[in-house]
Amino acid sequence: MRQYSLNMFQDKSKKWRIQLLAPNGRIIMSSEAYSEKYAMKRTVDSLAGNILDLNNVRLTEEGKEVE
């Protein structure tokens, strides 16, 4: 089964963002910009606790897989 991916990255203005990617690679959700990495990670934790089953989502940061 192909997985969804939750990608955390810094944009060109050095703000942190989150994208939820479908198994086919299409962006299906994009977050607001976060100035602090910890604030972005709190949102990821909230998504994991309330919406997403992270057993079925691949988590990446700057394109590298994260556990």
C-alpha atoms as a PDB file:
ATOM      1  CA  MET A   1       0.000   0.000   0.000  1.00  0.00           C
ATOM      2  CA  ARG A   2       1.342   3.417  -0.937  1.00  0.00           C
ATOM      3  CA  GLN A   3       1.578   5.921   1.877  1.00  0.00           C
ATOM      4  CA  TYR A   4       0.738   9.544   2.382  1.00  0.00           C
ATOM      5  CA  SER A   5       3.706  11.765   3.268  1.00  0.00           C
ATOM      6  CA  LEU A   6       3.843  14.624   5.743  1.00  0.00           C
ATOM      7  CA  ASN A   7       6.729  16.844   4.639  1.00  0.00           C
ATOM      8  CA  MET A   8       8.221  19.521   6.934  1.00  0.00           C
ATOM      9  CA  PHE A   9      10.513  22.064   5.274  1.00  0.00           C
ATOM     10  CA  GLN A  10      11.842  25.624   5.251  1.00  0.00           C
ATOM     11  CA  ASP A  11      10.690  27.827   2.406  1.00  0.00           C
ATOM     12  CA  LYS A  12      12.800  30.457   0.625  1.00  0.00           C
ATOM     13  CA  SER A  13      12.073  33.021   3.359  1.00  0.00           C
ATOM     14  CA  LYS A  14      13.333  30.531   6.004  1.00  0.00           C
ATOM     15  CA  LYS A  15       9.830  29.942   7.411  1.00  0.00           C
ATOM     16  CA  TRP A  16       8.797  26.397   8.337  1.00  0.00           C
ATOM     17  CA  ARG A  17       5.898  24.757   6.488  1.00  0.00           C
ATOM     18  CA  ILE A  18       4.084  21.424   6.365  1.00  0.00           C
ATOM     19  CA  GLN A  19       2.693  19.688   3.286  1.00  0.00           C
ATOM     20  CA  LEU A  20       0.545  16.574   3.214  1.00  0.00           C
ATOM     21  CA  LEU A  21       1.265  14.635   0.036  1.00  0.00           C
ATOM     22  CA  ALA A  22      -1.021  11.993  -1.458  1.00  0.00           C
ATOM     23  CA  PRO A  23       0.472   8.630  -2.471  1.00  0.00           C
ATOM     24  CA  ASN A  24       0.734   9.959  -6.048  1.00  0.00           C
ATOM     25  CA  GLY A  25       2.872  12.918  -4.844  1.00  0.00           C
ATOM     26  CA  ARG A  26       0.218  15.622  -5.194  1.00  0.00           C
ATOM     27  CA  ILE A  27      -0.003  18.222  -2.432  1.00  0.00           C
ATOM     28  CA  ILE A  28      -3.369  17.907  -0.701  1.00  0.00           C
ATOM     29  CA  MET A  29      -2.683  20.208   2.273  1.00  0.00           C
ATOM     30  CA  SER A  30      -0.248  23.024   2.862  1.00  0.00           C
ATOM     31  CA  SER A  31       0.159  24.816   6.183  1.00  0.00           C
ATOM     32  CA  GLU A  32       0.680  28.402   7.138  1.00  0.00           C
ATOM     33  CA  ALA A  33       4.281  29.590   7.595  1.00  0.00           C
ATOM     34  CA  TYR A  34       5.838  29.136  11.036  1.00  0.00           C
ATOM     35  CA  SER A  35       8.770  31.293  12.117  1.00  0.00           C
ATOM     36  CA  GLU A  36       9.875  28.716  14.693  1.00  0.00           C
ATOM     37  CA  LYS A  37      10.467  25.035  14.059  1.00  0.00           C
ATOM     38  CA  TYR A  38       8.982  24.041  17.432  1.00  0.00           C
ATOM     39  CA  ALA A  39       5.663  25.707  16.518  1.00  0.00           C
ATOM     40  CA  MET A  40       5.524  23.745  13.281  1.00  0.00           C
ATOM     41  CA  LYS A  41       6.296  20.511  15.163  1.00  0.00           C
ATOM     42  CA  ARG A  42       3.438  21.224  17.604  1.00  0.00           C
ATOM     43  CA  THR A  43       1.105  21.316  14.613  1.00  0.00           C
ATOM     44  CA  VAL A  44       2.520  18.004  13.350  1.00  0.00           C
ATOM     45  CA  ASP A  45       1.927  16.503  16.803  1.00  0.00           C
ATOM     46  CA  SER A  46      -1.630  17.834  16.784  1.00  0.00           C
ATOM     47  CA  LEU A  47      -2.279  16.373  13.337  1.00  0.00           C
ATOM     48  CA  ALA A  48      -0.862  13.051  14.493  1.00  0.00           C
ATOM     49  CA  GLY A  49      -3.001  13.027  17.613  1.00  0.00           C
ATOM     50  CA  ASN A  50      -6.245  14.242  16.106  1.00  0.00           C
ATOM     51  CA  ILE A  51      -6.391  13.523  12.401  1.00  0.00           C
ATOM     52  CA  LEU A  52      -3.712  11.275  11.005  1.00  0.00           C
ATOM     53  CA  ASP A  53      -2.810   7.699  11.760  1.00  0.00           C
ATOM     54  CA  LEU A  54       0.951   8.088  11.488  1.00  0.00           C
ATOM     55  CA  ASN A  55       1.314   4.349  10.915  1.00  0.00           C
ATOM     56  CA  ASN A  56       0.065   5.111   7.411  1.00  0.00           C
ATOM     57  CA  VAL A  57       1.985   8.368   6.884  1.00  0.00           C
ATOM     58  CA  ARG A  58       5.654   8.765   5.967  1.00  0.00           C
ATOM     59  CA  LEU A  59       7.176  11.717   7.859  1.00  0.00           C
ATOM     60  CA  THR A  60       9.943  13.692   6.152  1.00  0.00           C
ATOM     61  CA  GLU A  61      11.940  16.797   7.009  1.00  0.00           C
ATOM     62  CA  GLU A  62      13.733  18.617   4.214  1.00  0.00           C
ATOM     63  CA  GLY A  63      13.175  15.511   2.060  1.00  0.00           C
ATOM     64  CA  LYS A  64      14.746  13.074   4.547  1.00  0.00           C
ATOM     65  CA  GLU A  65      12.662  10.476   6.371  1.00  0.00           C
ATOM     66  CA  VAL A  66      12.104  11.150  10.094  1.00  0.00           C
ATOM     67  CA  GLU A  67      10.947   8.755  12.794  1.00  0.00           C
END
